[in-house]
Amino acid sequence: MSEDEDPKGFEQFERFLEEWSRRDFLKKTGGAAAYMAFLAGGLEWLEACGGGSNSGGGTAKKGGHVVEGNFSDIRTLNSMLSSDTASNQVIGLMFDGLTNQKKDGTVIPALAESWKTSADGMTYTFKLRSGLKWSDGQPITADDVKFTYSLAQDDAYKAFASPRRGDLSKYIKSIDTPDPQTVVMNMTQVFAPFLASHGQYGILPKHVLGTMDATALNTADFNSAPSVTNGAFKFVRWDKGAQVTMARNDNYWAGAAYLDQWIYKVLPDSVAVTNQLKTGEIDIGPVDPGQYDNIKTTDSVTLTEFPVPSFTFYAYQLDPSKPAGPLFQDQAVRQALLYALDRQSMVNAIFFNHGVVADSVMPPTSWAHIKPQTQYPFDKNKAGSLLDGAGWAMGSDGIRAKNGMKLKFTMITNAGNKQRESCLTYMQQAWKAIGVDATPSLIQFPQLVSQIVSIRTFDMFLVGFNWSVDPDEAPLFHSRNAAPGGFNGAHFKNDQVDSLLDQALGTLDQNKRKQLYAQFQEIMAEQVPSPILVFNTGIWGVNKRVQNTDFGTFSQYQFRPWNHTVWVTDGK
């Protein structure tokens, strides 16, 4: 293939759509799937509007069920093991934390009716509501809270594979329970994002799990079939690969839910989610950007779109001990690969303009976001020049090599997410044009998460990440979180980045924090260990029979304080 063939692919794809009825074509194929179909024909992985509620008025009715669809199965139902939005989404229906949050990010009471922070920012005191009960009728007490946080804080549970251990073990000095309704968390130093980012973990039952050691807790039956819960719903059954069934928890502190059941249904891909929203087989689900035009005229579905603290990114294997690690140690290589991607064309053709090209590692929903001076506009010639300068010479087979090693690797993402699948297809062709052999590989989402947080034999992965209202990005980019179970599966380690992140975590002054995060973003723009492709938007569809949903920027997944108030007009 000549070096000029593939970069024209997206332009030709757009012209192709213009020649067809865009909507009819998308109905048949799905947005990103349309691009896949186009590629198969011969050419070789979010403008935002306000979030909203589905509330048509009327009197709430008791009974009935809701089916929520998604294209990813869950991995665990243990809140302190979970590291993915699919699992958190289901966990949030069954387990409340000390706090919750509104769609604008405001922290609100949940199991804790109130809290206070000491003047020096070193102590957080939570007062639990009176009369809290588990679904089995046992009281929820401060001991349950201490037990839950100890799983990621106490050295006695060091073998427990919590992705939260890196931060909580560093910053929480001790947890005191002076009485059954009071929890006092003492910090080792100021930890600015504690309340916003770490106050919402689902509280776990000490009376069920407290006798188990750390190793046993990793594989406890409770993790896939919790016998008791404290949220709006309780566990009934998990049919792996198919659905999770939950029933009303009559002991819920905020009042028993209206619904009899909430079902989380696993579907083959994002297009199937949209199709089943249209047919009424599911009631709630995220909408594939390529299917937006297809479903927006469906009378039975309400669509809402909003900015989210999320992005789609890919990450290089930076552990030099892994087979692909040596390929990506040179910053010039990492930069070259990003320069070779026409990300605006990706936004146009893959995300159908439901998103914007990323200009930083921090999403624009954050008060700390800046646009770093270093940017990566599409520049194929510069990409090639950087690789030449780094000693990666073009071989007779069209693949670059250096010291006998070819610039060849595999890229993984989760099957079923049509945007990510198409991103990998485009990246393969864009990089082939500069002498890089990158092969897409699709795996199931739970396996993808396991690769990132524990197995880590990948060459490169592409996934999305969802942030809290606080701008702290230490979970993904601090070296301490490269430990097994942590989110920093790419093994990125940079002393200056660590220092800036720690300084930002250690100050309560927002202006000072913003300055530190500005420096952090500038360094990350130069280092590009995990290039950000797109800042996404959230698009959700809700059947009009379902009332009182309230999706928004910070209430897509586990943070849904409105779960127990949802009802259905037909009572079915």
Protein backbone atom coordinates (compact mmCIF):
# COMPACT_ATOMS: atom_id res chain seq x y z
CA MET A 1 0.00 0.00 0.00
CA SER A 2 1.36 3.44 -0.85
CA GLU A 3 1.77 5.92 1.98
CA ASP A 4 -1.03 8.10 0.60
CA GLU A 5 -3.81 5.54 0.43
CA ASP A 6 -5.03 5.17 4.02
CA PRO A 7 -5.02 8.78 5.29
CA LYS A 8 -7.75 9.48 2.73
CA GLY A 9 -9.92 6.74 4.17
CA PHE A 10 -12.07 8.88 6.42
CA GLU A 11 -12.64 11.52 3.74
CA GLN A 12 -13.83 8.81 1.37
CA PHE A 13 -15.96 7.33 4.13
CA GLU A 14 -17.70 10.67 4.67
CA ARG A 15 -18.36 11.03 0.93
CA PHE A 16 -19.66 7.47 0.92
CA LEU A 17 -22.19 8.35 3.62
CA GLU A 18 -23.31 11.41 1.68
CA GLU A 19 -24.10 9.26 -1.32
CA TRP A 20 -26.33 6.99 0.76
CA SER A 21 -29.21 7.97 2.96
CA ARG A 22 -27.14 8.46 6.12
CA ARG A 23 -29.93 7.43 8.46
CA ASP A 24 -30.94 4.35 6.48
CA PHE A 25 -27.37 3.17 6.24
CA LEU A 26 -26.81 3.63 9.98
CA LYS A 27 -30.00 1.75 10.79
CA LYS A 28 -28.59 -1.26 9.02
CA THR A 29 -25.05 -1.17 10.31
CA GLY A 30 -24.59 1.04 13.35
CA GLY A 31 -22.29 4.05 13.31
CA ALA A 32 -18.85 2.59 13.91
CA ALA A 33 -19.93 -0.68 12.36
CA ALA A 34 -20.64 1.34 9.21
CA TYR A 35 -16.99 2.27 9.03
CA MET A 36 -16.04 -1.37 9.50
CA ALA A 37 -18.34 -2.37 6.64
CA PHE A 38 -16.86 0.35 4.46
CA LEU A 39 -13.31 -0.86 5.11
CA ALA A 40 -14.30 -4.38 4.17
CA GLY A 41 -15.35 -3.05 0.77
CA GLY A 42 -11.84 -2.37 -0.50
CA LEU A 43 -9.88 0.11 1.58
CA GLU A 44 -7.47 -1.47 3.53
CA TRP A 45 -11.25 2.49 17.91
CA LEU A 46 -18.86 15.27 22.55
CA GLU A 47 -20.78 18.68 21.40
CA ALA A 48 -22.66 18.55 24.70
CA CYS A 49 -26.11 19.50 25.74
CA GLY A 50 -27.49 19.44 29.25
CA GLY A 51 -28.26 16.22 31.08
CA GLY A 52 -31.86 15.61 31.96
CA SER A 53 -34.42 13.52 33.73
CA ASN A 54 -37.12 11.19 32.49
CA SER A 55 -40.01 12.47 34.55
CA GLY A 56 -43.35 13.02 32.91
CA GLY A 57 -45.19 13.71 36.14
CA GLY A 58 -48.01 11.61 37.50
CA THR A 59 -48.30 9.56 40.65
CA ALA A 60 -45.59 7.01 41.35
CA LYS A 61 -46.73 3.39 41.27
CA LYS A 62 -45.38 0.48 43.25
CA GLY A 63 -44.34 -2.64 41.35
CA GLY A 64 -42.92 -3.55 38.00
CA HIS A 65 -39.35 -3.83 36.80
CA VAL A 66 -36.70 -2.07 34.76
CA VAL A 67 -34.22 -3.72 32.39
CA GLU A 68 -30.99 -1.81 31.94
CA GLY A 69 -28.84 -2.95 29.02
CA ASN A 70 -25.13 -2.70 28.41
CA PHE A 71 -22.56 -4.48 26.25
CA SER A 72 -20.18 -5.32 29.09
CA ASP A 73 -20.60 -7.97 31.74
CA ILE A 74 -19.49 -7.17 35.26
CA ARG A 75 -16.34 -8.51 36.95
CA THR A 76 -17.21 -8.37 40.63
CA LEU A 77 -19.86 -7.21 43.09
CA ASN A 78 -17.33 -6.32 45.79
CA SER A 79 -17.03 -2.54 45.95
CA MET A 80 -13.43 -2.62 47.16
CA LEU A 81 -12.30 -4.90 44.33
CA SER A 82 -14.17 -3.22 41.49
CA SER A 83 -12.20 -1.21 38.94
CA ASP A 84 -14.67 -0.85 36.06
CA THR A 85 -17.83 1.13 35.41
CA ALA A 86 -19.95 -1.92 34.54
CA SER A 87 -19.34 -3.52 37.92
CA ASN A 88 -19.72 -0.19 39.72
CA GLN A 89 -23.01 0.40 37.96
CA VAL A 90 -24.50 -2.77 39.47
CA ILE A 91 -22.74 -2.32 42.81
CA GLY A 92 -24.31 1.14 43.08
CA LEU A 93 -27.77 -0.42 42.94
CA MET A 94 -26.99 -2.71 45.88
CA PHE A 95 -24.47 -0.87 48.06
CA ASP A 96 -24.43 2.70 49.34
CA GLY A 97 -21.38 4.49 50.63
CA LEU A 98 -21.01 7.11 53.32
CA THR A 99 -21.86 9.71 50.68
CA ASN A 100 -23.29 9.92 47.17
CA GLN A 101 -23.32 12.73 44.63
CA LYS A 102 -25.67 14.67 42.41
CA LYS A 103 -25.25 14.90 38.66
CA ASP A 104 -23.42 18.22 39.09
CA GLY A 105 -20.86 16.56 41.36
CA THR A 106 -22.21 17.92 44.66
CA VAL A 107 -21.42 15.47 47.47
CA ILE A 108 -24.58 14.54 49.40
CA PRO A 109 -25.31 12.35 52.45
CA ALA A 110 -26.01 8.63 52.04
CA LEU A 111 -25.31 6.21 54.91
CA ALA A 112 -23.67 9.13 56.71
CA GLU A 113 -26.22 11.83 57.55
CA SER A 114 -23.46 14.36 58.18
CA TRP A 115 -19.70 14.84 58.35
CA LYS A 116 -17.15 17.43 59.31
CA THR A 117 -13.53 18.07 58.44
CA SER A 118 -11.04 19.35 60.98
CA ALA A 119 -9.58 22.82 60.43
CA ASP A 120 -6.22 21.34 59.45
CA GLY A 121 -7.81 18.91 56.98
CA MET A 122 -6.34 15.93 58.79
CA THR A 123 -9.48 14.36 60.29
CA TYR A 124 -12.88 13.43 58.83
CA THR A 125 -15.69 12.56 61.19
CA PHE A 126 -18.79 10.85 59.80
CA LYS A 127 -22.05 10.44 61.70
CA LEU A 128 -24.14 7.52 60.45
CA ARG A 129 -27.90 7.68 60.21
CA SER A 130 -29.79 6.02 63.04
CA GLY A 131 -31.64 2.77 62.37
CA LEU A 132 -29.57 1.68 59.35
CA LYS A 133 -30.07 -1.98 58.47
CA TRP A 134 -28.62 -4.53 56.12
CA SER A 135 -31.06 -6.38 53.89
CA ASP A 136 -30.96 -9.28 56.38
CA GLY A 137 -32.08 -6.96 59.19
CA GLN A 138 -28.71 -6.70 60.95
CA PRO A 139 -27.68 -3.14 61.95
CA ILE A 140 -25.20 -1.21 59.82
CA THR A 141 -22.62 0.27 62.18
CA ALA A 142 -19.32 2.13 62.23
CA ASP A 143 -17.58 -1.26 62.42
CA ASP A 144 -18.82 -2.03 58.89
CA VAL A 145 -17.35 1.23 57.63
CA LYS A 146 -14.01 0.61 59.34
CA PHE A 147 -13.89 -2.93 57.97
CA THR A 148 -14.60 -1.74 54.41
CA TYR A 149 -11.91 0.94 54.36
CA SER A 150 -9.43 -1.29 56.19
CA LEU A 151 -9.51 -3.67 53.22
CA ALA A 152 -7.55 -1.07 51.24
CA GLN A 153 -5.80 0.70 54.14
CA ASP A 154 -4.66 -1.86 56.70
CA ASP A 155 -1.46 -3.86 56.10
CA ALA A 156 -3.28 -6.90 57.48
CA TYR A 157 -5.21 -6.95 54.19
CA LYS A 158 -2.25 -6.22 51.94
CA ALA A 159 -2.94 -9.37 49.90
CA PHE A 160 -6.44 -8.12 49.12
CA ALA A 161 -6.23 -6.88 45.51
CA SER A 162 -7.99 -3.54 45.87
CA PRO A 163 -7.21 -0.87 43.24
CA ARG A 164 -7.68 1.70 46.04
CA ARG A 165 -4.81 0.44 48.20
CA GLY A 166 -2.17 2.75 46.71
CA ASP A 167 -3.96 5.88 47.88
CA LEU A 168 -5.83 4.77 51.00
CA SER A 169 -2.87 2.96 52.58
CA LYS A 170 -0.73 6.05 52.04
CA TYR A 171 -3.14 8.70 53.28
CA ILE A 172 -5.33 7.08 55.95
CA LYS A 173 -3.39 6.77 59.20
CA SER A 174 -6.10 5.20 61.33
CA ILE A 175 -9.85 4.64 61.56
CA ASP A 176 -11.59 5.05 64.90
CA THR A 177 -15.13 4.06 65.88
CA PRO A 178 -15.91 5.81 69.20
CA ASP A 179 -19.52 4.62 69.01
CA PRO A 180 -21.67 2.57 66.61
CA GLN A 181 -22.73 5.65 64.65
CA THR A 182 -19.43 7.54 64.47
CA VAL A 183 -16.44 6.95 62.19
CA VAL A 184 -13.29 9.05 62.51
CA MET A 185 -10.71 8.82 59.73
CA ASN A 186 -7.32 10.29 60.57
CA MET A 187 -5.03 11.20 57.69
CA THR A 188 -1.26 10.92 57.55
CA GLN A 189 -1.30 14.30 55.78
CA VAL A 190 -3.78 16.52 53.97
CA PHE A 191 -5.55 14.51 51.28
CA ALA A 192 -7.59 17.02 49.27
CA PRO A 193 -9.76 14.65 47.19
CA PHE A 194 -10.75 12.35 50.05
CA LEU A 195 -14.37 13.40 50.42
CA ALA A 196 -15.11 13.84 46.69
CA SER A 197 -13.27 10.75 45.45
CA HIS A 198 -13.14 8.28 48.33
CA GLY A 199 -16.27 8.79 50.38
CA GLN A 200 -18.65 6.82 48.16
CA TYR A 201 -17.31 3.25 48.24
CA GLY A 202 -20.10 0.78 48.91
CA ILE A 203 -19.94 -0.28 52.56
CA LEU A 204 -19.48 -4.05 53.05
CA PRO A 205 -20.91 -6.26 55.85
CA LYS A 206 -18.39 -7.12 58.53
CA HIS A 207 -20.77 -9.69 60.00
CA VAL A 208 -20.55 -11.66 56.73
CA LEU A 209 -16.94 -11.07 55.63
CA GLY A 210 -15.10 -10.10 58.80
CA THR A 211 -13.76 -13.55 59.66
CA MET A 212 -12.04 -14.05 56.30
CA ASP A 213 -8.38 -13.27 55.62
CA ALA A 214 -7.18 -11.12 52.72
CA THR A 215 -6.46 -13.99 50.34
CA ALA A 216 -9.81 -15.66 50.95
CA LEU A 217 -11.61 -12.34 50.42
CA ASN A 218 -10.20 -12.08 46.90
CA THR A 219 -12.20 -15.14 45.84
CA ALA A 220 -15.10 -15.04 48.30
CA ASP A 221 -18.50 -16.23 47.05
CA PHE A 222 -19.82 -12.87 48.22
CA ASN A 223 -17.95 -11.16 45.36
CA SER A 224 -20.24 -12.77 42.80
CA ALA A 225 -23.33 -13.42 44.95
CA PRO A 226 -23.61 -10.99 47.89
CA SER A 227 -25.84 -12.47 50.55
CA VAL A 228 -26.71 -9.10 52.07
CA THR A 229 -26.77 -5.54 50.72
CA ASN A 230 -27.52 -2.04 52.00
CA GLY A 231 -28.64 -0.30 48.80
CA ALA A 232 -32.01 0.10 47.14
CA PHE A 233 -31.89 -3.46 45.78
CA LYS A 234 -30.64 -6.86 46.91
CA PHE A 235 -28.97 -9.57 44.91
CA VAL A 236 -31.02 -12.38 43.37
CA ARG A 237 -28.87 -14.01 40.68
CA TRP A 238 -25.98 -13.39 38.31
CA ASP A 239 -26.22 -15.35 35.08
CA LYS A 240 -22.74 -14.65 33.77
CA GLY A 241 -22.69 -13.24 30.28
CA ALA A 242 -26.45 -12.73 30.37
CA GLN A 243 -27.83 -10.65 33.26
CA VAL A 244 -27.79 -9.71 36.92
CA THR A 245 -31.19 -9.79 38.63
CA MET A 246 -31.90 -7.66 41.71
CA ALA A 247 -35.01 -7.27 43.88
CA ARG A 248 -36.29 -4.51 46.15
CA ASN A 249 -34.55 -4.13 49.53
CA ASP A 250 -37.34 -3.32 51.96
CA ASN A 251 -34.80 -2.26 54.59
CA TYR A 252 -33.34 0.55 52.46
CA TRP A 253 -32.63 3.61 54.61
CA ALA A 254 -34.18 6.09 52.12
CA GLY A 255 -37.37 4.07 51.78
CA ALA A 256 -38.14 0.94 49.83
CA ALA A 257 -37.86 1.28 46.05
CA TYR A 258 -41.01 1.45 43.94
CA LEU A 259 -39.75 -1.24 41.59
CA ASP A 260 -39.96 -4.96 42.36
CA GLN A 261 -36.89 -5.71 40.24
CA TRP A 262 -33.95 -4.08 38.48
CA ILE A 263 -32.26 -6.23 35.84
CA TYR A 264 -28.85 -5.51 34.31
CA LYS A 265 -28.81 -7.22 30.90
CA VAL A 266 -25.61 -8.00 28.97
CA LEU A 267 -25.86 -7.57 25.19
CA PRO A 268 -23.43 -8.46 22.38
CA ASP A 269 -22.45 -4.92 21.43
CA SER A 270 -23.35 -1.24 21.58
CA VAL A 271 -25.55 -1.43 18.47
CA ALA A 272 -27.63 -4.19 20.09
CA VAL A 273 -28.17 -1.92 23.11
CA THR A 274 -29.62 0.77 20.86
CA ASN A 275 -31.73 -1.69 18.89
CA GLN A 276 -33.25 -3.14 22.07
CA LEU A 277 -33.99 0.36 23.35
CA LYS A 278 -35.99 0.88 20.16
CA THR A 279 -37.87 -2.40 20.45
CA GLY A 280 -38.54 -1.98 24.17
CA GLU A 281 -36.61 -5.13 25.13
CA ILE A 282 -34.56 -2.94 27.46
CA ASP A 283 -35.63 0.27 29.21
CA ILE A 284 -32.31 2.04 29.88
CA GLY A 285 -28.97 1.99 28.11
CA PRO A 286 -26.00 3.97 26.79
CA VAL A 287 -26.45 5.00 23.16
CA ASP A 288 -23.83 4.29 20.52
CA PRO A 289 -22.89 7.68 18.96
CA GLY A 290 -23.29 6.17 15.52
CA GLN A 291 -26.85 5.20 16.40
CA TYR A 292 -27.93 8.61 17.69
CA ASP A 293 -29.66 9.61 14.44
CA ASN A 294 -31.26 6.19 14.28
CA ILE A 295 -32.93 6.38 17.67
CA LYS A 296 -33.66 10.06 18.17
CA THR A 297 -36.90 9.78 16.18
CA THR A 298 -38.12 6.82 18.28
CA ASP A 299 -41.24 8.05 20.10
CA SER A 300 -40.89 5.62 22.99
CA VAL A 301 -37.37 6.68 24.02
CA THR A 302 -36.09 9.86 25.66
CA LEU A 303 -32.47 10.73 24.83
CA THR A 304 -30.19 12.83 26.99
CA GLU A 305 -26.63 13.90 26.20
CA PHE A 306 -24.19 15.70 28.46
CA PRO A 307 -20.48 16.34 29.07
CA VAL A 308 -18.78 13.68 31.15
CA PRO A 309 -15.48 13.40 33.05
CA SER A 310 -14.39 10.64 30.68
CA PHE A 311 -12.02 10.06 27.82
CA THR A 312 -11.04 7.36 25.37
CA PHE A 313 -7.30 6.65 25.39
CA TYR A 314 -4.68 4.07 24.55
CA ALA A 315 -1.70 3.16 26.71
CA TYR A 316 1.74 1.85 25.86
CA GLN A 317 3.33 -1.07 27.72
CA LEU A 318 6.08 0.79 29.60
CA ASP A 319 7.37 -2.05 31.76
CA PRO A 320 10.77 -2.78 30.19
CA SER A 321 10.65 -6.35 31.48
CA LYS A 322 7.62 -7.15 29.28
CA PRO A 323 8.13 -8.18 25.61
CA ALA A 324 6.65 -4.97 24.18
CA GLY A 325 8.18 -2.71 26.85
CA PRO A 326 11.39 -1.87 24.93
CA LEU A 327 9.37 -0.62 21.94
CA PHE A 328 7.89 2.32 23.83
CA GLN A 329 10.66 3.50 26.15
CA ASP A 330 11.66 6.30 23.75
CA GLN A 331 9.43 9.38 24.09
CA ALA A 332 9.94 10.12 20.37
CA VAL A 333 8.28 6.82 19.45
CA ARG A 334 5.29 7.57 21.64
CA GLN A 335 4.97 11.04 20.15
CA ALA A 336 5.36 9.79 16.58
CA LEU A 337 2.50 7.34 16.91
CA LEU A 338 0.19 10.08 18.15
CA TYR A 339 1.20 12.51 15.39
CA ALA A 340 0.29 9.79 12.87
CA LEU A 341 -3.38 9.75 13.96
CA ASP A 342 -5.91 12.11 12.40
CA ARG A 343 -7.98 12.36 15.55
CA GLN A 344 -10.40 14.90 14.12
CA SER A 345 -11.32 12.42 11.40
CA MET A 346 -11.78 9.80 14.12
CA VAL A 347 -14.17 12.09 15.98
CA ASN A 348 -16.06 12.81 12.77
CA ALA A 349 -16.37 9.30 11.36
CA ILE A 350 -16.20 7.02 14.40
CA PHE A 351 -17.81 9.13 17.12
CA PHE A 352 -20.07 11.06 14.70
CA ASN A 353 -19.02 14.32 16.38
CA HIS A 354 -20.31 13.21 19.79
CA GLY A 355 -17.02 14.22 21.34
CA VAL A 356 -13.99 16.45 20.75
CA VAL A 357 -10.31 15.81 20.09
CA ALA A 358 -8.53 15.66 23.44
CA ASP A 359 -6.02 18.41 24.17
CA SER A 360 -4.85 17.23 27.61
CA VAL A 361 -4.94 14.28 30.01
CA MET A 362 -7.57 16.08 32.07
CA PRO A 363 -11.16 16.30 30.77
CA PRO A 364 -12.67 19.79 30.29
CA THR A 365 -15.33 19.02 32.91
CA SER A 366 -12.57 19.55 35.49
CA TRP A 367 -11.83 22.97 37.00
CA ALA A 368 -8.13 22.10 36.67
CA HIS A 369 -8.15 21.46 32.90
CA ILE A 370 -5.75 23.47 30.73
CA LYS A 371 -4.60 23.19 27.13
CA PRO A 372 -0.86 22.37 27.31
CA GLN A 373 1.54 24.06 24.93
CA THR A 374 2.54 20.71 23.43
CA GLN A 375 -0.15 19.47 21.06
CA TYR A 376 -0.29 16.72 18.45
CA PRO A 377 -2.10 17.77 15.28
CA PHE A 378 -2.13 15.18 12.52
CA ASP A 379 1.30 15.28 10.89
CA LYS A 380 2.33 12.10 9.12
CA ASN A 381 5.65 13.52 7.94
CA LYS A 382 6.63 14.54 11.45
CA ALA A 383 5.69 11.10 12.70
CA GLY A 384 8.02 9.50 10.16
CA SER A 385 10.80 11.97 10.90
CA LEU A 386 10.61 11.26 14.64
CA LEU A 387 10.87 7.52 14.03
CA ASP A 388 13.80 8.05 11.66
CA GLY A 389 15.56 10.16 14.25
CA ALA A 390 14.96 7.54 16.93
CA GLY A 391 16.75 4.94 14.78
CA TRP A 392 13.72 2.99 13.58
CA ALA A 393 14.62 2.37 9.95
CA MET A 394 12.09 1.30 7.33
CA GLY A 395 12.60 -2.30 6.25
CA SER A 396 12.07 -3.85 2.83
CA ASP A 397 8.84 -5.36 4.17
CA GLY A 398 7.48 -1.92 5.03
CA ILE A 399 7.99 -2.42 8.79
CA ARG A 400 10.47 -0.35 10.76
CA ALA A 401 13.13 -2.06 12.86
CA LYS A 402 15.91 -1.14 15.28
CA ASN A 403 18.67 -3.36 16.62
CA GLY A 404 16.93 -6.40 15.16
CA MET A 405 13.57 -5.59 16.79
CA LYS A 406 10.58 -4.77 14.60
CA LEU A 407 8.12 -2.03 15.52
CA LYS A 408 5.38 -4.60 15.76
CA PHE A 409 2.78 -5.10 18.51
CA THR A 410 -0.80 -6.09 19.34
CA MET A 411 -3.52 -3.66 20.47
CA ILE A 412 -6.35 -4.89 22.68
CA THR A 413 -9.77 -3.45 23.47
CA ASN A 414 -13.17 -4.79 24.50
CA ALA A 415 -15.30 -6.54 21.91
CA GLY A 416 -18.73 -5.04 21.47
CA ASN A 417 -17.73 -1.40 21.81
CA LYS A 418 -18.00 -0.38 18.18
CA GLN A 419 -16.19 2.93 18.65
CA ARG A 420 -13.17 1.25 20.21
CA GLU A 421 -13.14 -1.54 17.65
CA SER A 422 -13.14 1.04 14.86
CA CYS A 423 -10.46 3.10 16.58
CA LEU A 424 -8.13 0.12 16.51
CA THR A 425 -8.89 -0.52 12.84
CA TYR A 426 -8.07 3.07 11.97
CA MET A 427 -4.93 3.10 14.14
CA GLN A 428 -3.72 -0.08 12.44
CA GLN A 429 -3.95 1.52 9.01
CA ALA A 430 -2.62 4.93 10.05
CA TRP A 431 0.42 3.35 11.65
CA LYS A 432 0.96 0.94 8.78
CA ALA A 433 1.41 4.00 6.58
CA ILE A 434 4.47 5.03 8.64
CA GLY A 435 5.98 1.55 8.91
CA VAL A 436 4.40 0.24 12.10
CA ASP A 437 2.76 -3.17 12.32
CA ALA A 438 -0.07 -2.96 14.89
CA THR A 439 -2.62 -5.77 15.08
CA PRO A 440 -6.05 -5.30 16.75
CA SER A 441 -7.27 -7.96 19.17
CA LEU A 442 -10.74 -7.97 20.72
CA ILE A 443 -11.43 -9.50 24.13
CA GLN A 444 -14.32 -9.38 26.58
CA PHE A 445 -14.45 -6.37 28.89
CA PRO A 446 -13.82 -8.26 32.16
CA GLN A 447 -10.73 -9.83 30.59
CA LEU A 448 -9.58 -6.41 29.34
CA VAL A 449 -9.82 -4.97 32.85
CA SER A 450 -7.94 -7.97 34.25
CA GLN A 451 -5.18 -7.40 31.69
CA ILE A 452 -4.84 -3.77 32.76
CA VAL A 453 -4.96 -4.14 36.53
CA SER A 454 -3.37 -7.54 37.15
CA ILE A 455 -2.16 -9.77 34.29
CA ARG A 456 -0.44 -7.00 32.29
CA THR A 457 0.95 -9.03 29.41
CA PHE A 458 -0.54 -6.61 26.85
CA ASP A 459 1.47 -4.62 24.30
CA MET A 460 -1.01 -1.77 24.10
CA PHE A 461 -4.59 -1.34 25.31
CA LEU A 462 -7.38 1.04 24.38
CA VAL A 463 -10.15 1.79 26.85
CA GLY A 464 -12.08 4.62 28.49
CA PHE A 465 -11.64 6.09 31.94
CA ASN A 466 -14.21 7.87 34.08
CA TRP A 467 -13.09 10.41 36.69
CA SER A 468 -14.63 11.85 39.82
CA VAL A 469 -15.46 15.51 40.35
CA ASP A 470 -11.98 16.02 41.85
CA PRO A 471 -9.10 16.48 39.35
CA ASP A 472 -6.77 13.98 41.05
CA GLU A 473 -5.32 11.63 38.40
CA ALA A 474 -2.89 9.83 40.69
CA PRO A 475 -4.86 6.56 40.45
CA LEU A 476 -3.95 6.30 36.75
CA PHE A 477 -0.57 8.03 36.55
CA HIS A 478 1.21 7.86 39.93
CA SER A 479 3.92 5.21 40.17
CA ARG A 480 2.56 3.81 43.45
CA ASN A 481 -0.56 2.74 41.57
CA ALA A 482 1.48 0.59 39.20
CA ALA A 483 1.39 -2.03 41.95
CA PRO A 484 -0.72 -5.12 41.15
CA GLY A 485 -4.40 -4.27 41.37
CA GLY A 486 -3.80 -0.57 40.68
CA PHE A 487 -5.11 1.38 37.70
CA ASN A 488 -1.63 2.28 36.42
CA GLY A 489 -1.34 -0.91 34.41
CA ALA A 490 0.81 0.84 31.79
CA HIS A 491 3.61 1.01 34.39
CA PHE A 492 4.19 4.74 33.87
CA LYS A 493 6.71 6.05 36.39
CA ASN A 494 7.96 9.61 36.48
CA ASP A 495 9.43 11.22 39.60
CA GLN A 496 8.38 14.73 38.63
CA VAL A 497 4.82 13.64 37.94
CA ASP A 498 4.71 11.79 41.26
CA SER A 499 5.91 14.90 43.06
CA LEU A 500 3.37 17.21 41.42
CA LEU A 501 0.49 14.82 42.05
CA ASP A 502 1.51 14.41 45.69
CA GLN A 503 1.85 18.16 46.18
CA ALA A 504 -1.60 18.72 44.66
CA LEU A 505 -3.09 16.06 46.91
CA GLY A 506 -1.50 17.73 49.92
CA THR A 507 -3.04 21.19 49.57
CA LEU A 508 -6.60 22.38 50.06
CA ASP A 509 -6.00 25.66 48.21
CA GLN A 510 -7.72 25.24 44.83
CA ASN A 511 -5.63 27.91 43.11
CA LYS A 512 -2.40 26.22 44.20
CA ARG A 513 -3.75 22.85 43.17
CA LYS A 514 -4.65 24.22 39.74
CA GLN A 515 -1.12 25.53 39.22
CA LEU A 516 0.33 22.15 40.14
CA TYR A 517 -2.08 20.32 37.83
CA ALA A 518 -1.17 22.71 35.03
CA GLN A 519 2.48 21.65 35.38
CA PHE A 520 1.37 18.01 35.50
CA GLN A 521 -0.59 18.38 32.27
CA GLU A 522 2.36 20.02 30.49
CA ILE A 523 4.66 17.12 31.42
CA MET A 524 2.10 14.51 30.40
CA ALA A 525 1.70 16.26 27.04
CA GLU A 526 5.42 15.80 26.41
CA GLN A 527 5.69 12.29 27.83
CA VAL A 528 2.45 10.90 26.26
CA PRO A 529 2.56 7.54 28.09
CA SER A 530 -1.16 7.10 27.52
CA PRO A 531 -2.36 9.37 24.70
CA ILE A 532 -5.91 10.65 25.01
CA LEU A 533 -7.85 10.40 21.76
CA VAL A 534 -11.25 11.86 22.53
CA PHE A 535 -13.15 13.63 25.29
CA ASN A 536 -16.48 11.81 25.12
CA THR A 537 -20.02 12.81 25.90
CA GLY A 538 -22.53 10.67 27.73
CA ILE A 539 -25.62 9.64 25.75
CA TRP A 540 -28.35 7.64 27.48
CA GLY A 541 -31.70 6.42 26.27
CA VAL A 542 -34.63 5.79 28.62
CA ASN A 543 -37.99 4.26 27.70
CA LYS A 544 -40.78 6.72 28.44
CA ARG A 545 -42.56 4.21 30.66
CA VAL A 546 -39.67 4.65 33.12
CA GLN A 547 -39.94 7.73 35.35
CA ASN A 548 -37.58 9.61 37.68
CA THR A 549 -34.21 8.80 36.14
CA ASP A 550 -31.82 11.73 36.29
CA PHE A 551 -28.66 11.07 34.28
CA GLY A 552 -25.99 13.75 34.16
CA THR A 553 -22.29 14.52 34.12
CA PHE A 554 -21.46 12.79 37.41
CA SER A 555 -24.41 10.38 37.71
CA GLN A 556 -24.04 7.86 34.92
CA TYR A 557 -22.86 4.77 36.73
CA GLN A 558 -22.73 4.00 40.46
CA PHE A 559 -23.70 7.50 41.58
CA ARG A 560 -27.46 7.48 41.16
CA PRO A 561 -29.14 8.74 44.34
CA TRP A 562 -32.44 8.53 42.44
CA ASN A 563 -32.41 4.72 41.97
CA HIS A 564 -35.02 3.99 44.64
CA THR A 565 -37.43 6.63 43.26
CA VAL A 566 -37.62 5.15 39.75
CA TRP A 567 -41.04 3.79 38.81
CA VAL A 568 -42.81 2.55 35.69
CA THR A 569 -46.09 3.93 34.39
CA ASP A 570 -47.53 0.52 33.48
CA GLY A 571 -46.57 -1.13 36.78
CA LYS A 572 -45.09 -4.06 34.86
